[in-house]
Structures are given as C-alpha cells and as structure tokens.
Amino acid sequence: MGETFAEVKRELIALLRPGVRVPNWSKAAEKNPGRLKRREFVVLEVDKAKGLALQSGEKRVEVPWGALENVWRKWRDYRECRLKRKDLAEKNFFTTYCIALLRFLEENLGGPRV
C-alpha cells in the first residue's frame, strides 16, 4: 500500500471498477464472522475528484476521498490492534466501507496480513 494517501488513492482508482465486489472486513469479524451485517458491497462508480459510489444492500453510499484518508491515517494502528474501531470511526460515517476498501487494497497488492 502506498506511503502517502495520494499513492493509496491512485492504487484504489487503478484497482476498482464498476461491478467489483469488495468483501466486508473488520478485526473483530476475523474471530466472529457473524458480526458482519453485510458480507460485501459493490463498486458503482469511481470519481477521481469526489470519491466512490458503492451499493450496499438496497442503498447507494457515496464515500468521499476525505473520509477514506481519515481512516487510512490510522489504518496501521487499527490493523495492528493498537487502536479500537470506535476510535477509528470518530466523526466518520463511512468507516465500515473505508476499512473494507483498505483491506481489499492490501490483499490485492500483496500487502500486510496481520
């Protein structure tokens, strides 16, 4: 995964296309998969300026790049269990999607699995 958010954004833009299915993921769900409300969401649009449009169940969700960047800044601490999810989610309504997207990026780039 990129060292800067600009790199991460470029990697996501290159990886994601309409129709791509992104599995939902969280540290807690690794131990108890039943905790996940939704198993996956689908990419609808990738807007280089604004962010991502996703389909989650029956609803369309617009995830701005800024929300993803906020989670990315704390990602390493979360992934390595130094930060709780509730602290990761501060003032961010898109945390579930951001976590899944960053994990998806790591897995598709051969990044860390903790």
Protein backbone atom coordinates (compact mmCIF):
# COMPACT_ATOMS: atom_id res chain seq x y z
CA MET A 1 0.00 0.00 0.00
CA GLY A 2 1.23 3.48 -0.80
CA GLU A 3 3.21 5.55 1.67
CA THR A 4 1.05 8.64 1.04
CA PHE A 5 -2.69 8.94 0.63
CA ALA A 6 -2.17 10.23 -2.92
CA GLU A 7 -0.49 6.88 -3.72
CA VAL A 8 -3.27 4.92 -1.98
CA LYS A 9 -5.89 6.86 -3.93
CA ARG A 10 -4.11 6.11 -7.23
CA GLU A 11 -3.90 2.42 -6.31
CA LEU A 12 -7.61 2.26 -5.48
CA ILE A 13 -8.56 4.06 -8.70
CA ALA A 14 -6.47 1.54 -10.66
CA LEU A 15 -7.96 -1.44 -8.78
CA LEU A 16 -11.64 -0.55 -8.54
CA ARG A 17 -14.10 -0.65 -11.42
CA PRO A 18 -17.91 -0.69 -11.53
CA GLY A 19 -19.09 -4.16 -10.60
CA VAL A 20 -16.13 -5.06 -8.39
CA ARG A 21 -17.31 -6.78 -5.21
CA VAL A 22 -15.48 -5.76 -2.05
CA PRO A 23 -15.78 -8.14 0.93
CA ASN A 24 -16.66 -6.50 4.21
CA TRP A 25 -13.98 -6.93 6.87
CA SER A 26 -13.10 -5.98 10.43
CA LYS A 27 -10.58 -7.21 13.00
CA ALA A 28 -13.42 -8.43 15.25
CA ALA A 29 -15.10 -10.32 12.40
CA GLU A 30 -11.93 -12.34 11.80
CA LYS A 31 -12.72 -14.14 15.05
CA ASN A 32 -16.52 -13.99 14.70
CA PRO A 33 -17.71 -13.63 11.07
CA GLY A 34 -21.31 -13.45 12.26
CA ARG A 35 -20.65 -9.90 13.43
CA LEU A 36 -20.75 -8.58 9.86
CA LYS A 37 -24.14 -7.17 8.88
CA ARG A 38 -23.29 -7.31 5.17
CA ARG A 39 -20.84 -9.69 3.53
CA GLU A 40 -19.85 -7.37 0.68
CA PHE A 41 -20.65 -4.24 -1.27
CA VAL A 42 -20.34 -3.42 -4.96
CA VAL A 43 -18.47 -0.54 -6.60
CA LEU A 44 -20.82 1.55 -8.76
CA GLU A 45 -18.59 4.49 -9.72
CA VAL A 46 -15.05 5.74 -9.16
CA ASP A 47 -14.84 9.53 -9.30
CA LYS A 48 -11.22 10.72 -9.22
CA ALA A 49 -12.23 14.04 -7.68
CA LYS A 50 -15.06 13.15 -5.28
CA GLY A 51 -14.75 9.53 -4.18
CA LEU A 52 -16.52 6.21 -4.59
CA ALA A 53 -20.16 5.32 -5.12
CA LEU A 54 -21.00 1.92 -3.65
CA GLN A 55 -24.05 -0.32 -3.50
CA SER A 56 -24.63 -1.81 -0.06
CA GLY A 57 -27.76 -3.90 0.04
CA GLU A 58 -30.53 -1.66 -1.23
CA LYS A 59 -28.76 1.65 -0.64
CA ARG A 60 -26.28 3.69 -2.60
CA VAL A 61 -23.44 5.08 -0.49
CA GLU A 62 -21.15 7.93 -1.57
CA VAL A 63 -17.78 7.65 0.20
CA PRO A 64 -15.70 10.83 -0.18
CA TRP A 65 -11.93 10.52 -0.54
CA GLY A 66 -11.53 12.62 2.63
CA ALA A 67 -13.34 10.01 4.73
CA LEU A 68 -11.09 7.29 3.35
CA GLU A 69 -7.99 9.39 4.03
CA ASN A 70 -9.03 9.90 7.66
CA VAL A 71 -9.24 6.12 8.21
CA TRP A 72 -6.04 5.50 6.23
CA ARG A 73 -4.11 7.83 8.59
CA LYS A 74 -4.97 5.49 11.49
CA TRP A 75 -5.01 2.25 9.48
CA ARG A 76 -1.71 0.77 10.65
CA ASP A 77 -2.60 1.24 14.33
CA TYR A 78 -6.03 -0.31 13.78
CA ARG A 79 -4.70 -3.26 11.79
CA GLU A 80 -2.07 -3.94 14.45
CA CYS A 81 -4.66 -3.71 17.28
CA ARG A 82 -3.22 -0.55 18.81
CA LEU A 83 -6.42 1.36 18.08
CA LYS A 84 -10.02 0.32 18.64
CA ARG A 85 -12.59 0.61 15.89
CA LYS A 86 -14.60 3.17 17.85
CA ASP A 87 -11.54 5.43 17.88
CA LEU A 88 -11.01 4.87 14.18
CA ALA A 89 -14.59 5.90 13.45
CA GLU A 90 -14.52 9.30 15.15
CA LYS A 91 -16.59 11.73 13.04
CA ASN A 92 -16.68 9.33 10.09
CA PHE A 93 -19.94 7.78 8.89
CA PHE A 94 -18.15 5.67 6.26
CA THR A 95 -15.76 3.69 8.45
CA THR A 96 -17.18 0.27 7.55
CA TYR A 97 -16.57 0.91 3.85
CA CYS A 98 -13.17 2.52 4.39
CA ILE A 99 -11.93 -0.43 6.46
CA ALA A 100 -13.10 -2.92 3.83
CA LEU A 101 -11.58 -0.88 0.97
CA LEU A 102 -8.18 -0.58 2.65
CA ARG A 103 -8.14 -4.28 3.48
CA PHE A 104 -9.16 -5.10 -0.12
CA LEU A 105 -6.33 -2.93 -1.39
CA GLU A 106 -3.79 -4.64 0.87
CA GLU A 107 -4.92 -8.09 -0.19
CA ASN A 108 -4.83 -7.22 -3.88
CA LEU A 109 -1.40 -5.61 -3.66
CA GLY A 110 0.05 -8.42 -1.55
CA GLY A 111 0.32 -6.15 1.48
CA PRO A 112 0.47 -6.99 5.19
CA ARG A 113 -1.90 -9.50 6.72
CA VAL A 114 -2.00 -9.07 10.46
